[in-house]
């Protein structure tokens, strides 16, 4: 996403949102991996804790995608504003 000099704070917010979205998505993948690996360790059975971790990782991943989408929406609005100003 390009930096918009007319809206520096909004540009910074979009970059922060993008970073948070990616961090949430990465954390969700790690949570999912932990739940699967931990459940397959010797002497452990699949339980409610694993189900909660799987559900939490799916929700966290979707939340990360939503936050990233909001950052992209800001970028699209910047592109529309730049193209409108040209005409």
N, C-alpha and C. Protein backbone atom coordinates (compact mmCIF):
# COMPACT_ATOMS: atom_id res chain seq x y z
N UNK A 1 0.85 -1.17 0.00
CA UNK A 1 0.00 0.00 0.00
C UNK A 1 0.90 1.23 0.00
N UNK A 2 0.52 2.20 -0.80
CA UNK A 2 1.29 3.43 -0.91
C UNK A 2 0.97 4.38 0.24
N UNK A 3 1.96 5.17 0.58
CA UNK A 3 1.79 6.18 1.61
C UNK A 3 1.11 7.40 0.97
N UNK A 4 0.07 7.92 1.62
CA UNK A 4 -0.65 9.08 1.13
C UNK A 4 -0.26 10.28 1.97
N UNK A 5 0.42 11.26 1.34
CA UNK A 5 0.92 12.41 2.10
C UNK A 5 -0.19 13.32 2.60
N UNK A 6 -1.38 13.26 2.00
CA UNK A 6 -2.48 14.09 2.48
C UNK A 6 -3.12 13.52 3.74
N UNK A 7 -2.98 12.25 3.94
CA UNK A 7 -3.58 11.57 5.10
C UNK A 7 -2.51 10.73 5.81
N UNK A 8 -1.55 11.36 6.47
CA UNK A 8 -0.45 10.58 7.06
C UNK A 8 -0.91 9.68 8.21
N UNK A 9 -1.84 10.15 9.02
CA UNK A 9 -2.30 9.34 10.14
C UNK A 9 -3.07 8.12 9.64
N UNK A 10 -3.93 8.33 8.65
CA UNK A 10 -4.70 7.22 8.10
C UNK A 10 -3.78 6.21 7.40
N UNK A 11 -2.73 6.71 6.76
CA UNK A 11 -1.75 5.80 6.15
C UNK A 11 -1.07 4.96 7.21
N UNK A 12 -0.70 5.59 8.32
CA UNK A 12 -0.06 4.86 9.41
C UNK A 12 -1.02 3.83 10.02
N UNK A 13 -2.28 4.22 10.20
CA UNK A 13 -3.28 3.30 10.75
C UNK A 13 -3.44 2.10 9.82
N UNK A 14 -3.46 2.33 8.52
CA UNK A 14 -3.61 1.23 7.57
C UNK A 14 -2.42 0.28 7.65
N UNK A 15 -1.23 0.81 7.78
CA UNK A 15 -0.04 -0.05 7.89
C UNK A 15 -0.06 -0.83 9.21
N UNK A 16 -0.48 -0.19 10.28
CA UNK A 16 -0.56 -0.87 11.58
C UNK A 16 -1.62 -1.98 11.51
N UNK A 17 -2.76 -1.68 10.92
CA UNK A 17 -3.81 -2.70 10.79
C UNK A 17 -3.32 -3.87 9.95
N UNK A 18 -2.59 -3.58 8.91
CA UNK A 18 -2.06 -4.65 8.07
C UNK A 18 -1.10 -5.53 8.86
N UNK A 19 -0.24 -4.92 9.64
CA UNK A 19 0.69 -5.68 10.47
C UNK A 19 -0.03 -6.52 11.51
N UNK A 20 -1.04 -5.95 12.15
CA UNK A 20 -1.81 -6.69 13.14
C UNK A 20 -2.54 -7.86 12.49
N UNK A 21 -3.11 -7.63 11.32
CA UNK A 21 -3.80 -8.70 10.61
C UNK A 21 -2.88 -9.87 10.29
N UNK A 22 -1.67 -9.57 9.80
CA UNK A 22 -0.73 -10.65 9.50
C UNK A 22 -0.27 -11.35 10.76
N UNK A 23 -0.04 -10.60 11.84
CA UNK A 23 0.37 -11.23 13.10
C UNK A 23 -0.72 -12.16 13.64
N UNK A 24 -1.97 -11.75 13.52
CA UNK A 24 -3.07 -12.60 13.97
C UNK A 24 -3.14 -13.88 13.12
N UNK A 25 -2.96 -13.75 11.83
CA UNK A 25 -3.02 -14.92 10.95
C UNK A 25 -1.88 -15.89 11.27
N UNK A 26 -0.69 -15.37 11.50
CA UNK A 26 0.45 -16.22 11.83
C UNK A 26 0.24 -16.88 13.19
N UNK A 27 -0.26 -16.12 14.16
CA UNK A 27 -0.53 -16.69 15.49
C UNK A 27 -1.58 -17.80 15.39
N UNK A 28 -2.57 -17.63 14.54
CA UNK A 28 -3.61 -18.64 14.38
C UNK A 28 -3.03 -19.93 13.81
N UNK A 29 -2.14 -19.82 12.85
CA UNK A 29 -1.52 -21.01 12.27
C UNK A 29 -0.68 -21.73 13.33
N UNK A 30 0.05 -20.96 14.14
CA UNK A 30 0.85 -21.56 15.21
C UNK A 30 -0.04 -22.23 16.26
N UNK A 31 -1.15 -21.59 16.60
CA UNK A 31 -2.08 -22.19 17.57
C UNK A 31 -2.64 -23.49 17.04
N UNK A 32 -3.00 -23.51 15.78
CA UNK A 32 -3.54 -24.72 15.17
C UNK A 32 -2.49 -25.84 15.19
N UNK A 33 -1.28 -25.49 14.81
CA UNK A 33 -0.20 -26.47 14.82
C UNK A 33 0.06 -27.02 16.21
N UNK A 34 0.05 -26.15 17.20
CA UNK A 34 0.26 -26.59 18.58
C UNK A 34 -0.84 -27.56 19.01
N UNK A 35 -2.07 -27.26 18.68
CA UNK A 35 -3.19 -28.12 19.07
C UNK A 35 -3.07 -29.50 18.44
N UNK A 36 -2.66 -29.55 17.19
CA UNK A 36 -2.56 -30.84 16.50
C UNK A 36 -1.35 -31.63 17.01
N UNK A 37 -0.20 -30.97 17.15
CA UNK A 37 1.00 -31.67 17.60
C UNK A 37 0.85 -32.14 19.04
N UNK A 38 0.31 -31.28 19.89
CA UNK A 38 0.15 -31.62 21.30
C UNK A 38 -0.81 -32.79 21.48
N UNK A 39 -1.81 -32.88 20.65
CA UNK A 39 -2.77 -33.98 20.74
C UNK A 39 -2.17 -35.30 20.30
N UNK A 40 -1.12 -35.26 19.49
CA UNK A 40 -0.51 -36.48 18.99
C UNK A 40 0.71 -36.91 19.78
N UNK A 41 0.97 -36.26 20.91
CA UNK A 41 2.09 -36.69 21.74
C UNK A 41 1.72 -37.99 22.45
N UNK A 42 2.71 -38.81 22.79
CA UNK A 42 2.41 -40.08 23.46
C UNK A 42 1.72 -39.85 24.81
N UNK A 43 0.72 -40.63 25.07
CA UNK A 43 0.02 -40.57 26.33
C UNK A 43 -1.04 -39.48 26.42
N UNK A 44 -1.34 -38.86 25.31
CA UNK A 44 -2.34 -37.79 25.33
C UNK A 44 -3.48 -38.17 24.39
N UNK A 45 -4.68 -37.87 24.82
CA UNK A 45 -5.84 -38.13 23.97
C UNK A 45 -6.46 -36.80 23.56
N UNK A 46 -7.17 -36.86 22.45
CA UNK A 46 -7.85 -35.67 21.96
C UNK A 46 -8.95 -35.30 22.95
N UNK A 47 -8.99 -34.04 23.35
CA UNK A 47 -9.97 -33.63 24.34
C UNK A 47 -10.59 -32.29 24.01
N UNK A 48 -11.37 -31.79 24.96
CA UNK A 48 -12.04 -30.50 24.75
C UNK A 48 -11.05 -29.35 24.61
N UNK A 49 -9.91 -29.44 25.30
CA UNK A 49 -8.91 -28.38 25.19
C UNK A 49 -8.42 -28.26 23.76
N UNK A 50 -8.20 -29.38 23.11
CA UNK A 50 -7.77 -29.35 21.71
C UNK A 50 -8.85 -28.77 20.81
N UNK A 51 -10.09 -29.12 21.07
CA UNK A 51 -11.19 -28.55 20.28
C UNK A 51 -11.26 -27.04 20.46
N UNK A 52 -11.05 -26.58 21.69
CA UNK A 52 -11.09 -25.13 21.95
C UNK A 52 -9.94 -24.44 21.23
N UNK A 53 -8.75 -25.05 21.26
CA UNK A 53 -7.60 -24.46 20.55
C UNK A 53 -7.86 -24.39 19.05
N UNK A 54 -8.43 -25.44 18.48
CA UNK A 54 -8.74 -25.44 17.04
C UNK A 54 -9.75 -24.35 16.72
N UNK A 55 -10.81 -24.26 17.51
CA UNK A 55 -11.83 -23.23 17.29
C UNK A 55 -11.25 -21.83 17.45
N UNK A 56 -10.42 -21.65 18.48
CA UNK A 56 -9.80 -20.34 18.72
C UNK A 56 -8.86 -19.97 17.57
N UNK A 57 -8.14 -20.95 17.03
CA UNK A 57 -7.24 -20.64 15.92
C UNK A 57 -8.01 -20.27 14.67
N UNK A 58 -9.13 -20.93 14.42
CA UNK A 58 -9.95 -20.58 13.26
C UNK A 58 -10.53 -19.18 13.41
N UNK A 59 -11.03 -18.86 14.59
CA UNK A 59 -11.59 -17.53 14.83
C UNK A 59 -10.51 -16.47 14.73
N UNK A 60 -9.33 -16.75 15.27
CA UNK A 60 -8.22 -15.79 15.20
C UNK A 60 -7.78 -15.58 13.76
N UNK A 61 -7.74 -16.65 12.98
CA UNK A 61 -7.36 -16.51 11.57
C UNK A 61 -8.37 -15.65 10.81
N UNK A 62 -9.65 -15.91 11.04
CA UNK A 62 -10.68 -15.10 10.37
C UNK A 62 -10.61 -13.64 10.82
N UNK A 63 -10.35 -13.42 12.09
CA UNK A 63 -10.21 -12.05 12.58
C UNK A 63 -9.02 -11.36 11.92
N UNK A 64 -7.92 -12.09 11.76
CA UNK A 64 -6.76 -11.53 11.06
C UNK A 64 -7.07 -11.16 9.63
N UNK A 65 -7.84 -12.01 8.95
CA UNK A 65 -8.25 -11.70 7.57
C UNK A 65 -9.14 -10.47 7.52
N UNK A 66 -10.03 -10.33 8.49
CA UNK A 66 -10.94 -9.18 8.52
C UNK A 66 -10.15 -7.90 8.76
N UNK A 67 -9.20 -7.94 9.69
CA UNK A 67 -8.38 -6.75 9.97
C UNK A 67 -7.56 -6.38 8.75
N UNK A 68 -6.99 -7.38 8.08
CA UNK A 68 -6.23 -7.11 6.85
C UNK A 68 -7.13 -6.54 5.76
N UNK A 69 -8.36 -7.01 5.68
CA UNK A 69 -9.30 -6.48 4.69
C UNK A 69 -9.61 -5.01 4.95
N UNK A 70 -9.74 -4.63 6.22
CA UNK A 70 -9.97 -3.22 6.54
C UNK A 70 -8.77 -2.36 6.10
N UNK A 71 -7.56 -2.87 6.29
CA UNK A 71 -6.38 -2.14 5.83
C UNK A 71 -6.38 -2.00 4.31
N UNK A 72 -6.79 -3.05 3.62
CA UNK A 72 -6.85 -2.99 2.15
C UNK A 72 -7.94 -2.04 1.68
N UNK A 73 -9.04 -1.97 2.41
CA UNK A 73 -10.11 -1.03 2.05
C UNK A 73 -9.59 0.40 2.12
N UNK A 74 -8.81 0.70 3.14
CA UNK A 74 -8.22 2.04 3.25
C UNK A 74 -7.32 2.30 2.04
N UNK A 75 -6.53 1.30 1.64
CA UNK A 75 -5.67 1.45 0.47
C UNK A 75 -6.46 1.67 -0.81
N UNK A 76 -7.58 0.99 -0.95
CA UNK A 76 -8.43 1.17 -2.13
C UNK A 76 -9.01 2.58 -2.14
N UNK A 77 -9.43 3.05 -0.98
CA UNK A 77 -9.97 4.42 -0.90
C UNK A 77 -8.90 5.45 -1.26
N UNK A 78 -7.65 5.20 -0.85
CA UNK A 78 -6.56 6.09 -1.25
C UNK A 78 -6.39 6.09 -2.77
N UNK A 79 -6.45 4.91 -3.38
CA UNK A 79 -6.29 4.82 -4.84
C UNK A 79 -7.43 5.54 -5.55
N UNK A 80 -8.64 5.40 -5.04
CA UNK A 80 -9.78 6.11 -5.63
C UNK A 80 -9.59 7.61 -5.50
N UNK A 81 -9.11 8.06 -4.35
CA UNK A 81 -8.92 9.50 -4.13
C UNK A 81 -7.84 10.04 -5.07
N UNK A 82 -6.77 9.30 -5.27
CA UNK A 82 -5.68 9.74 -6.15
C UNK A 82 -6.18 9.79 -7.60
N UNK A 83 -6.91 8.76 -8.04
CA UNK A 83 -7.41 8.74 -9.42
C UNK A 83 -8.47 9.82 -9.65
N UNK A 84 -9.26 10.11 -8.63
CA UNK A 84 -10.27 11.16 -8.78
C UNK A 84 -9.61 12.53 -8.87
N UNK A 85 -8.55 12.73 -8.11
CA UNK A 85 -7.85 14.01 -8.14
C UNK A 85 -7.19 14.25 -9.50
N UNK A 86 -6.77 13.19 -10.18
CA UNK A 86 -6.14 13.34 -11.49
C UNK A 86 -7.10 13.90 -12.52
N UNK A 87 -8.38 13.60 -12.38
CA UNK A 87 -9.36 14.06 -13.37
C UNK A 87 -9.94 15.32 -12.87
